[in-house]
Protein backbone atom coordinates (compact mmCIF):
# COMPACT_ATOMS: atom_id res chain seq x y z
CA UNK A 1 174.67 81.06 99.87
CA UNK A 2 173.28 81.93 103.27
CA UNK A 3 171.71 78.47 103.59
CA UNK A 4 175.04 76.80 102.83
CA UNK A 5 176.79 79.05 105.33
CA UNK A 6 174.28 78.11 108.05
CA UNK A 7 174.66 74.39 107.31
CA UNK A 8 178.46 74.72 107.42
CA UNK A 9 178.33 76.60 110.73
CA UNK A 10 175.75 74.39 112.49
CA UNK A 11 176.38 71.01 110.86
CA UNK A 12 172.59 70.58 110.61
CA UNK A 13 170.75 70.03 107.31
CA UNK A 14 168.57 72.79 105.87
CA UNK A 15 165.22 72.39 104.13
CA UNK A 16 163.00 75.02 102.59
CA UNK A 17 161.83 76.86 99.52
CA UNK A 18 163.33 79.77 97.69
CA UNK A 19 162.18 82.06 94.92
CA UNK A 20 164.57 83.30 92.26
CA UNK A 21 163.99 85.41 89.15
CA UNK A 22 163.97 83.70 85.76
CA UNK A 23 165.82 85.16 82.79
CA UNK A 24 162.63 87.12 82.00
CA UNK A 25 162.36 88.38 85.58
CA UNK A 26 159.40 86.18 86.56
CA UNK A 27 159.52 84.50 89.99
CA UNK A 28 160.36 80.80 90.11
CA UNK A 29 159.93 78.95 93.41
CA UNK A 30 161.46 75.57 94.21
CA UNK A 31 162.07 73.38 97.25
CA UNK A 32 165.55 72.44 98.40
CA UNK A 33 167.47 70.37 100.94
CA UNK A 34 171.15 70.78 101.85
CA UNK A 35 172.95 68.01 103.72
CA UNK A 36 176.40 68.50 105.27
CA UNK A 37 179.17 65.95 104.78
CA UNK A 38 182.43 65.59 106.67
CA UNK A 39 185.61 63.62 106.03
CA UNK A 40 185.36 61.92 109.40
CA UNK A 41 185.69 64.90 111.71
CA UNK A 42 183.24 67.42 113.07
CA UNK A 43 183.74 70.09 110.42
CA UNK A 44 181.69 70.22 107.23
CA UNK A 45 183.85 69.50 104.19
CA UNK A 46 181.19 69.47 101.45
CA UNK A 47 177.46 69.25 100.81
CA UNK A 48 174.86 67.23 98.99
CA UNK A 49 172.03 69.44 97.78
CA UNK A 50 168.69 68.48 96.26
CA UNK A 51 166.34 70.77 94.38
CA UNK A 52 162.71 69.94 93.55
CA UNK A 53 161.21 71.98 90.74
CA UNK A 54 157.73 70.55 91.26
CA UNK A 55 155.64 68.98 88.54
CA UNK A 56 157.24 67.77 85.34
CA UNK A 57 158.64 70.80 83.55
CA UNK A 58 159.72 69.94 80.01
CA UNK A 59 161.37 73.33 79.60
CA UNK A 60 164.01 72.26 82.13
CA UNK A 61 165.28 69.41 79.95
CA UNK A 62 166.70 70.11 76.50
CA UNK A 63 166.51 66.38 75.70
CA UNK A 64 162.73 66.67 75.45
CA UNK A 65 162.74 69.16 72.58
CA UNK A 66 162.66 72.92 72.44
CA UNK A 67 162.22 74.38 75.92
CA UNK A 68 159.22 76.66 76.35
CA UNK A 69 159.99 80.25 77.26
CA UNK A 70 159.86 81.06 80.95
CA UNK A 71 156.44 82.22 82.10
CA UNK A 72 155.13 83.36 85.43
CA UNK A 73 153.68 80.61 87.60
CA UNK A 74 150.05 81.66 87.15
CA UNK A 75 150.37 81.60 83.36
CA UNK A 76 151.98 78.13 83.50
CA UNK A 77 149.21 76.82 85.78
CA UNK A 78 146.51 78.24 83.49
CA UNK A 79 148.17 76.70 80.41
CA UNK A 80 148.47 73.32 82.14
CA UNK A 81 144.81 73.40 83.23
CA UNK A 82 143.71 74.31 79.69
CA UNK A 83 145.77 71.47 78.18
CA UNK A 84 144.03 68.91 80.42
CA UNK A 85 140.54 69.84 79.13
């Protein structure tokens, strides 16, 4: 919420990364961008926000089958590397 507050106060977009805990408590890092929008005046009325979760993550889309349980990032990277061999 702090990023949104800063964008609302300054009127400038914000870009960065953030880490949040998954339901299992593992860290999950993603990139984001928040763009302010106005209704014609100087004040920010709403936002458009984008989030980039990185490489294709089938567990984030239920339309692709059963989502895999959340894992820490090192375990996911090791599993991905092993699957490519």
